[in-house]
């Protein structure tokens, strides 16, 4: 999965903001969402993102996998990322 051109991620004190520069649409992200989107922007694959999420937060692998997959689906559905 890859973020589409024109999508930027900015960290904030409370997580982050994902901005579609073409449409002006933005999403407010919590800390774990910011980590996932940042890792996608770096080009990491889902298993690497899951490992990073587990290292940063007290979360089980099954939950981390479901969260990464769910956010990835939402980004694709919103046309902010390509599969």
PDB file of N, CA and C in Angstrom:
ATOM      1  N   UNK A   1       0.840  -1.174   0.000  1.00  0.00           N
ATOM      2  CA  UNK A   1       0.000   0.000   0.000  1.00  0.00           C
ATOM      3  C   UNK A   1       0.884   1.236   0.000  1.00  0.00           C
ATOM      4  N   UNK A   2       0.391   2.250  -0.678  1.00  0.00           N
ATOM      5  CA  UNK A   2       1.160   3.488  -0.790  1.00  0.00           C
ATOM      6  C   UNK A   2       0.206   4.678  -0.716  1.00  0.00           C
ATOM      7  N   UNK A   3       0.626   5.711   0.030  1.00  0.00           N
ATOM      8  CA  UNK A   3      -0.170   6.937   0.059  1.00  0.00           C
ATOM      9  C   UNK A   3      -0.120   7.595  -1.308  1.00  0.00           C
ATOM     10  N   UNK A   4      -1.238   8.152  -1.733  1.00  0.00           N
ATOM     11  CA  UNK A   4      -1.334   8.817  -3.022  1.00  0.00           C
ATOM     12  C   UNK A   4      -0.544  10.120  -2.982  1.00  0.00           C
ATOM     13  N   UNK A   5      -0.058  10.573  -4.143  1.00  0.00           N
ATOM     14  CA  UNK A   5       0.603  11.863  -4.230  1.00  0.00           C
ATOM     15  C   UNK A   5      -0.364  12.942  -3.751  1.00  0.00           C
ATOM     16  N   UNK A   6       0.165  13.944  -3.069  1.00  0.00           N
ATOM     17  CA  UNK A   6      -0.672  15.023  -2.584  1.00  0.00           C
ATOM     18  C   UNK A   6      -1.257  14.769  -1.209  1.00  0.00           C
ATOM     19  N   UNK A   7      -0.867  13.658  -0.586  1.00  0.00           N
ATOM     20  CA  UNK A   7      -1.311  13.351   0.777  1.00  0.00           C
ATOM     21  C   UNK A   7      -0.140  13.624   1.713  1.00  0.00           C
ATOM     22  N   UNK A   8      -0.379  14.443   2.727  1.00  0.00           N
ATOM     23  CA  UNK A   8       0.689  14.732   3.681  1.00  0.00           C
ATOM     24  C   UNK A   8       0.247  14.367   5.091  1.00  0.00           C
ATOM     25  N   UNK A   9       1.232  14.056   5.916  1.00  0.00           N
ATOM     26  CA  UNK A   9       1.004  13.682   7.301  1.00  0.00           C
ATOM     27  C   UNK A   9       1.793  14.645   8.174  1.00  0.00           C
ATOM     28  N   UNK A  10       1.123  15.220   9.152  1.00  0.00           N
ATOM     29  CA  UNK A  10       1.783  16.141  10.068  1.00  0.00           C
ATOM     30  C   UNK A  10       1.498  15.693  11.496  1.00  0.00           C
ATOM     31  N   UNK A  11       2.550  15.560  12.285  1.00  0.00           N
ATOM     32  CA  UNK A  11       2.388  15.193  13.690  1.00  0.00           C
ATOM     33  C   UNK A  11       1.923  16.410  14.477  1.00  0.00           C
ATOM     34  N   UNK A  12       1.083  16.150  15.473  1.00  0.00           N
ATOM     35  CA  UNK A  12       0.616  17.188  16.391  1.00  0.00           C
ATOM     36  C   UNK A  12       0.886  16.707  17.814  1.00  0.00           C
ATOM     37  N   UNK A  13       0.555  17.517  18.790  1.00  0.00           N
ATOM     38  CA  UNK A  13       0.734  17.117  20.184  1.00  0.00           C
ATOM     39  C   UNK A  13      -0.179  15.959  20.581  1.00  0.00           C
ATOM     40  N   UNK A  14      -1.245  15.745  19.828  1.00  0.00           N
ATOM     41  CA  UNK A  14      -2.242  14.742  20.193  1.00  0.00           C
ATOM     42  C   UNK A  14      -2.355  13.615  19.179  1.00  0.00           C
ATOM     43  N   UNK A  15      -1.439  13.487  18.265  1.00  0.00           N
ATOM     44  CA  UNK A  15      -1.483  12.468  17.220  1.00  0.00           C
ATOM     45  C   UNK A  15      -0.988  13.057  15.919  1.00  0.00           C
ATOM     46  N   UNK A  16      -1.909  13.263  14.978  1.00  0.00           N
ATOM     47  CA  UNK A  16      -1.502  13.815  13.701  1.00  0.00           C
ATOM     48  C   UNK A  16      -2.685  14.184  12.844  1.00  0.00           C
ATOM     49  N   UNK A  17      -2.358  14.762  11.703  1.00  0.00           N
ATOM     50  CA  UNK A  17      -3.363  15.145  10.728  1.00  0.00           C
ATOM     51  C   UNK A  17      -2.912  14.613   9.371  1.00  0.00           C
ATOM     52  N   UNK A  18      -3.824  14.002   8.674  1.00  0.00           N
ATOM     53  CA  UNK A  18      -3.618  13.498   7.322  1.00  0.00           C
ATOM     54  C   UNK A  18      -4.383  14.434   6.399  1.00  0.00           C
ATOM     55  N   UNK A  19      -3.700  15.070   5.455  1.00  0.00           N
ATOM     56  CA  UNK A  19      -4.317  16.079   4.592  1.00  0.00           C
ATOM     57  C   UNK A  19      -4.225  15.677   3.132  1.00  0.00           C
ATOM     58  N   UNK A  20      -5.369  15.723   2.451  1.00  0.00           N
ATOM     59  CA  UNK A  20      -5.418  15.568   1.002  1.00  0.00           C
ATOM     60  C   UNK A  20      -5.308  16.968   0.416  1.00  0.00           C
ATOM     61  N   UNK A  21      -4.142  17.301  -0.106  1.00  0.00           N
ATOM     62  CA  UNK A  21      -3.877  18.655  -0.585  1.00  0.00           C
ATOM     63  C   UNK A  21      -4.708  19.018  -1.804  1.00  0.00           C
ATOM     64  N   UNK A  22      -5.198  18.031  -2.528  1.00  0.00           N
ATOM     65  CA  UNK A  22      -6.024  18.312  -3.714  1.00  0.00           C
ATOM     66  C   UNK A  22      -7.439  18.734  -3.344  1.00  0.00           C
ATOM     67  N   UNK A  23      -8.032  18.012  -2.397  1.00  0.00           N
ATOM     68  CA  UNK A  23      -9.436  18.271  -2.069  1.00  0.00           C
ATOM     69  C   UNK A  23      -9.610  19.100  -0.800  1.00  0.00           C
ATOM     70  N   UNK A  24      -8.568  19.177   0.016  1.00  0.00           N
ATOM     71  CA  UNK A  24      -8.673  19.870   1.286  1.00  0.00           C
ATOM     72  C   UNK A  24      -9.243  19.007   2.399  1.00  0.00           C
ATOM     73  N   UNK A  25      -9.554  17.757   2.091  1.00  0.00           N
ATOM     74  CA  UNK A  25     -10.072  16.826   3.089  1.00  0.00           C
ATOM     75  C   UNK A  25      -8.955  16.459   4.062  1.00  0.00           C
ATOM     76  N   UNK A  26      -9.295  16.399   5.335  1.00  0.00           N
ATOM     77  CA  UNK A  26      -8.300  15.972   6.303  1.00  0.00           C
ATOM     78  C   UNK A  26      -8.908  15.049   7.337  1.00  0.00           C
ATOM     79  N   UNK A  27      -8.049  14.227   7.903  1.00  0.00           N
ATOM     80  CA  UNK A  27      -8.427  13.324   8.978  1.00  0.00           C
ATOM     81  C   UNK A  27      -7.563  13.647  10.177  1.00  0.00           C
ATOM     82  N   UNK A  28      -8.162  13.672  11.329  1.00  0.00           N
ATOM     83  CA  UNK A  28      -7.406  13.790  12.560  1.00  0.00           C
ATOM     84  C   UNK A  28      -7.085  12.373  13.018  1.00  0.00           C
ATOM     85  N   UNK A  29      -5.841  12.116  13.358  1.00  0.00           N
ATOM     86  CA  UNK A  29      -5.391  10.783  13.735  1.00  0.00           C
ATOM     87  C   UNK A  29      -4.939  10.751  15.187  1.00  0.00           C
ATOM     88  N   UNK A  30      -5.201   9.642  15.863  1.00  0.00           N
ATOM     89  CA  UNK A  30      -4.623   9.468  17.196  1.00  0.00           C
ATOM     90  C   UNK A  30      -3.166   9.032  17.030  1.00  0.00           C
ATOM     91  N   UNK A  31      -2.480   8.791  18.134  1.00  0.00           N
ATOM     92  CA  UNK A  31      -1.052   8.467  18.066  1.00  0.00           C
ATOM     93  C   UNK A  31      -0.782   7.189  17.285  1.00  0.00           C
ATOM     94  N   UNK A  32      -1.589   6.163  17.489  1.00  0.00           N
ATOM     95  CA  UNK A  32      -1.340   4.908  16.764  1.00  0.00           C
ATOM     96  C   UNK A  32      -1.651   5.070  15.280  1.00  0.00           C
ATOM     97  N   UNK A  33      -2.698   5.805  14.938  1.00  0.00           N
ATOM     98  CA  UNK A  33      -3.006   6.074  13.532  1.00  0.00           C
ATOM     99  C   UNK A  33      -1.898   6.857  12.855  1.00  0.00           C
ATOM    100  N   UNK A  34      -1.323   7.811  13.578  1.00  0.00           N
ATOM    101  CA  UNK A  34      -0.211   8.592  13.034  1.00  0.00           C
ATOM    102  C   UNK A  34       0.998   7.702  12.770  1.00  0.00           C
ATOM    103  N   UNK A  35       1.255   6.768  13.688  1.00  0.00           N
ATOM    104  CA  UNK A  35       2.352   5.829  13.493  1.00  0.00           C
ATOM    105  C   UNK A  35       2.120   4.988  12.246  1.00  0.00           C
ATOM    106  N   UNK A  36       0.902   4.463  12.081  1.00  0.00           N
ATOM    107  CA  UNK A  36       0.585   3.607  10.937  1.00  0.00           C
ATOM    108  C   UNK A  36       0.722   4.387   9.632  1.00  0.00           C
ATOM    109  N   UNK A  37       0.142   5.563   9.565  1.00  0.00           N
ATOM    110  CA  UNK A  37       0.188   6.354   8.334  1.00  0.00           C
ATOM    111  C   UNK A  37       1.620   6.792   8.035  1.00  0.00           C
ATOM    112  N   UNK A  38       2.368   7.168   9.054  1.00  0.00           N
ATOM    113  CA  UNK A  38       3.770   7.534   8.849  1.00  0.00           C
ATOM    114  C   UNK A  38       4.583   6.374   8.300  1.00  0.00           C
ATOM    115  N   UNK A  39       4.326   5.179   8.811  1.00  0.00           N
ATOM    116  CA  UNK A  39       5.030   3.987   8.326  1.00  0.00           C
ATOM    117  C   UNK A  39       4.640   3.681   6.883  1.00  0.00           C
ATOM    118  N   UNK A  40       3.366   3.872   6.537  1.00  0.00           N
ATOM    119  CA  UNK A  40       2.941   3.707   5.141  1.00  0.00           C
ATOM    120  C   UNK A  40       3.665   4.709   4.246  1.00  0.00           C
ATOM    121  N   UNK A  41       3.780   5.944   4.713  1.00  0.00           N
ATOM    122  CA  UNK A  41       4.468   6.980   3.938  1.00  0.00           C
ATOM    123  C   UNK A  41       5.933   6.624   3.719  1.00  0.00           C
ATOM    124  N   UNK A  42       6.520   5.893   4.667  1.00  0.00           N
ATOM    125  CA  UNK A  42       7.907   5.438   4.530  1.00  0.00           C
ATOM    126  C   UNK A  42       8.017   4.254   3.572  1.00  0.00           C
ATOM    127  N   UNK A  43       6.881   3.661   3.213  1.00  0.00           N
ATOM    128  CA  UNK A  43       6.895   2.520   2.310  1.00  0.00           C
ATOM    129  C   UNK A  43       6.986   1.173   2.993  1.00  0.00           C
ATOM    130  N   UNK A  44       6.763   1.140   4.304  1.00  0.00           N
ATOM    131  CA  UNK A  44       6.830  -0.134   5.020  1.00  0.00           C
ATOM    132  C   UNK A  44       5.642  -1.016   4.672  1.00  0.00           C
ATOM    133  N   UNK A  45       5.853  -2.306   4.720  1.00  0.00           N
ATOM    134  CA  UNK A  45       4.792  -3.298   4.480  1.00  0.00           C
ATOM    135  C   UNK A  45       4.018  -3.537   5.779  1.00  0.00           C
ATOM    136  N   UNK A  46       2.814  -4.084   5.642  1.00  0.00           N
ATOM    137  CA  UNK A  46       1.932  -4.297   6.792  1.00  0.00           C
ATOM    138  C   UNK A  46       2.605  -5.054   7.944  1.00  0.00           C
ATOM    139  N   UNK A  47       3.338  -6.158   7.703  1.00  0.00           N
ATOM    140  CA  UNK A  47       3.960  -6.854   8.840  1.00  0.00           C
ATOM    141  C   UNK A  47       4.959  -5.979   9.604  1.00  0.00           C
ATOM    142  N   UNK A  48       5.684  -5.139   8.897  1.00  0.00           N
ATOM    143  CA  UNK A  48       6.639  -4.231   9.551  1.00  0.00           C
ATOM    144  C   UNK A  48       5.901  -3.169  10.367  1.00  0.00           C
ATOM    145  N   UNK A  49       4.772  -2.712   9.846  1.00  0.00           N
ATOM    146  CA  UNK A  49       3.981  -1.710  10.550  1.00  0.00           C
ATOM    147  C   UNK A  49       3.383  -2.312  11.818  1.00  0.00           C
ATOM    148  N   UNK A  50       2.907  -3.548  11.715  1.00  0.00           N
ATOM    149  CA  UNK A  50       2.370  -4.250  12.892  1.00  0.00           C
ATOM    150  C   UNK A  50       3.444  -4.362  13.963  1.00  0.00           C
ATOM    151  N   UNK A  51       4.654  -4.755  13.582  1.00  0.00           N
ATOM    152  CA  UNK A  51       5.755  -4.869  14.546  1.00  0.00           C
ATOM    153  C   UNK A  51       6.045  -3.526  15.197  1.00  0.00           C
ATOM    154  N   UNK A  52       6.052  -2.468  14.412  1.00  0.00           N
ATOM    155  CA  UNK A  52       6.325  -1.129  14.930  1.00  0.00           C
ATOM    156  C   UNK A  52       5.216  -0.698  15.896  1.00  0.00           C
ATOM    157  N   UNK A  53       3.981  -1.009  15.556  1.00  0.00           N
ATOM    158  CA  UNK A  53       2.840  -0.660  16.409  1.00  0.00           C
ATOM    159  C   UNK A  53       2.916  -1.410  17.741  1.00  0.00           C
ATOM    160  N   UNK A  54       3.266  -2.687  17.677  1.00  0.00           N
ATOM    161  CA  UNK A  54       3.386  -3.484  18.892  1.00  0.00           C
ATOM    162  C   UNK A  54       4.525  -2.987  19.780  1.00  0.00           C
ATOM    163  N   UNK A  55       5.607  -2.526  19.178  1.00  0.00           N
ATOM    164  CA  UNK A  55       6.744  -2.017  19.948  1.00  0.00           C
ATOM    165  C   UNK A  55       6.413  -0.688  20.629  1.00  0.00           C
ATOM    166  N   UNK A  56       5.578   0.111  19.991  1.00  0.00           N
ATOM    167  CA  UNK A  56       5.272   1.447  20.512  1.00  0.00           C
ATOM    168  C   UNK A  56       4.129   1.450  21.520  1.00  0.00           C
ATOM    169  N   UNK A  57       3.205   0.503  21.388  1.00  0.00           N
ATOM    170  CA  UNK A  57       2.011   0.482  22.231  1.00  0.00           C
ATOM    171  C   UNK A  57       1.820  -0.914  22.814  1.00  0.00           C
ATOM    172  N   UNK A  58       1.149  -1.003  23.919  1.00  0.00           N
ATOM    173  CA  UNK A  58       0.870  -2.289  24.554  1.00  0.00           C
ATOM    174  C   UNK A  58      -0.340  -2.912  23.870  1.00  0.00           C
ATOM    175  N   UNK A  59      -0.080  -3.595  22.756  1.00  0.00           N
ATOM    176  CA  UNK A  59      -1.165  -4.170  21.961  1.00  0.00           C
ATOM    177  C   UNK A  59      -0.743  -5.560  21.466  1.00  0.00           C
ATOM    178  N   UNK A  60      -1.692  -6.477  21.456  1.00  0.00           N
ATOM    179  CA  UNK A  60      -1.441  -7.833  20.965  1.00  0.00           C
ATOM    180  C   UNK A  60      -1.364  -7.847  19.439  1.00  0.00           C
ATOM    181  N   UNK A  61      -0.662  -8.844  18.897  1.00  0.00           N
ATOM    182  CA  UNK A  61      -0.473  -8.930  17.443  1.00  0.00           C
ATOM    183  C   UNK A  61      -1.805  -8.953  16.687  1.00  0.00           C
ATOM    184  N   UNK A  62      -2.769  -9.753  17.141  1.00  0.00           N
ATOM    185  CA  UNK A  62      -4.053  -9.842  16.436  1.00  0.00           C
ATOM    186  C   UNK A  62      -4.724  -8.479  16.342  1.00  0.00           C
ATOM    187  N   UNK A  63      -4.700  -7.739  17.431  1.00  0.00           N
ATOM    188  CA  UNK A  63      -5.327  -6.411  17.451  1.00  0.00           C
ATOM    189  C   UNK A  63      -4.563  -5.443  16.543  1.00  0.00           C
ATOM    190  N   UNK A  64      -3.233  -5.491  16.590  1.00  0.00           N
ATOM    191  CA  UNK A  64      -2.419  -4.616  15.751  1.00  0.00           C
ATOM    192  C   UNK A  64      -2.658  -4.915  14.272  1.00  0.00           C
ATOM    193  N   UNK A  65      -2.735  -6.195  13.907  1.00  0.00           N
ATOM    194  CA  UNK A  65      -2.999  -6.564  12.518  1.00  0.00           C
ATOM    195  C   UNK A  65      -4.361  -6.061  12.062  1.00  0.00           C
ATOM    196  N   UNK A  66      -5.364  -6.210  12.917  1.00  0.00           N
ATOM    197  CA  UNK A  66      -6.715  -5.760  12.567  1.00  0.00           C
ATOM    198  C   UNK A  66      -6.758  -4.240  12.431  1.00  0.00           C
ATOM    199  N   UNK A  67      -6.071  -3.531  13.314  1.00  0.00           N
ATOM    200  CA  UNK A  67      -6.061  -2.072  13.254  1.00  0.00           C
ATOM    201  C   UNK A  67      -5.354  -1.561  12.002  1.00  0.00           C
ATOM    202  N   UNK A  68      -4.225  -2.156  11.664  1.00  0.00           N
ATOM    203  CA  UNK A  68      -3.483  -1.748  10.461  1.00  0.00           C
ATOM    204  C   UNK A  68      -4.326  -2.033   9.218  1.00  0.00           C
ATOM    205  N   UNK A  69      -4.916  -3.218   9.153  1.00  0.00           N
ATOM    206  CA  UNK A  69      -5.747  -3.572   7.993  1.00  0.00           C
ATOM    207  C   UNK A  69      -6.964  -2.657   7.893  1.00  0.00           C
ATOM    208  N   UNK A  70      -7.587  -2.341   9.006  1.00  0.00           N
ATOM    209  CA  UNK A  70      -8.762  -1.474   9.000  1.00  0.00           C
ATOM    210  C   UNK A  70      -8.453  -0.069   8.541  1.00  0.00           C
ATOM    211  N   UNK A  71      -7.374   0.510   9.047  1.00  0.00           N
ATOM    212  CA  UNK A  71      -6.993   1.857   8.625  1.00  0.00           C
ATOM    213  C   UNK A  71      -6.579   1.852   7.158  1.00  0.00           C
ATOM    214  N   UNK A  72      -5.882   0.822   6.727  1.00  0.00           N
ATOM    215  CA  UNK A  72      -5.480   0.719   5.320  1.00  0.00           C
ATOM    216  C   UNK A  72      -6.711   0.690   4.410  1.00  0.00           C
ATOM    217  N   UNK A  73      -7.721  -0.085   4.792  1.00  0.00           N
ATOM    218  CA  UNK A  73      -8.968  -0.145   4.008  1.00  0.00           C
ATOM    219  C   UNK A  73      -9.635   1.227   3.939  1.00  0.00           C
ATOM    220  N   UNK A  74      -9.689   1.915   5.053  1.00  0.00           N
ATOM    221  CA  UNK A  74     -10.301   3.244   5.092  1.00  0.00           C
ATOM    222  C   UNK A  74      -9.566   4.223   4.188  1.00  0.00           C
ATOM    223  N   UNK A  75      -8.241   4.152   4.188  1.00  0.00           N
ATOM    224  CA  UNK A  75      -7.444   5.047   3.336  1.00  0.00           C
ATOM    225  C   UNK A  75      -7.684   4.755   1.849  1.00  0.00           C
ATOM    226  N   UNK A  76      -7.767   3.481   1.492  1.00  0.00           N
ATOM    227  CA  UNK A  76      -8.042   3.107   0.107  1.00  0.00           C
ATOM    228  C   UNK A  76      -9.454   3.540  -0.278  1.00  0.00           C
ATOM    229  N   UNK A  77     -10.435   3.292   0.586  1.00  0.00           N
ATOM    230  CA  UNK A  77     -11.810   3.693   0.305  1.00  0.00           C
ATOM    231  C   UNK A  77     -11.932   5.202   0.136  1.00  0.00           C
ATOM    232  N   UNK A  78     -11.130   5.963   0.877  1.00  0.00           N
ATOM    233  CA  UNK A  78     -11.151   7.423   0.785  1.00  0.00           C
ATOM    234  C   UNK A  78     -10.277   7.939  -0.371  1.00  0.00           C
ATOM    235  N   UNK A  79      -9.666   7.003  -1.100  1.00  0.00           N
ATOM    236  CA  UNK A  79      -8.781   7.323  -2.222  1.00  0.00           C
ATOM    237  C   UNK A  79      -7.570   8.147  -1.814  1.00  0.00           C
ATOM    238  N   UNK A  80      -7.127   7.930  -0.561  1.00  0.00           N
ATOM    239  CA  UNK A  80      -5.919   8.568  -0.070  1.00  0.00           C
ATOM    240  C   UNK A  80      -4.706   7.656  -0.229  1.00  0.00           C
ATOM    241  N   UNK A  81      -4.978   6.382  -0.514  1.00  0.00           N
ATOM    242  CA  UNK A  81      -3.905   5.403  -0.699  1.00  0.00           C
ATOM    243  C   UNK A  81      -4.306   4.429  -1.788  1.00  0.00           C
ATOM    244  N   UNK A  82      -3.290   3.783  -2.343  1.00  0.00           N
ATOM    245  CA  UNK A  82      -3.523   2.741  -3.336  1.00  0.00           C
ATOM    246  C   UNK A  82      -3.084   1.416  -2.722  1.00  0.00           C
ATOM    247  N   UNK A  83      -3.804   0.338  -3.059  1.00  0.00           N
ATOM    248  CA  UNK A  83      -3.465  -0.967  -2.455  1.00  0.00           C
ATOM    249  C   UNK A  83      -2.104  -1.472  -2.896  1.00  0.00           C
TER     250      UNK A  83
END
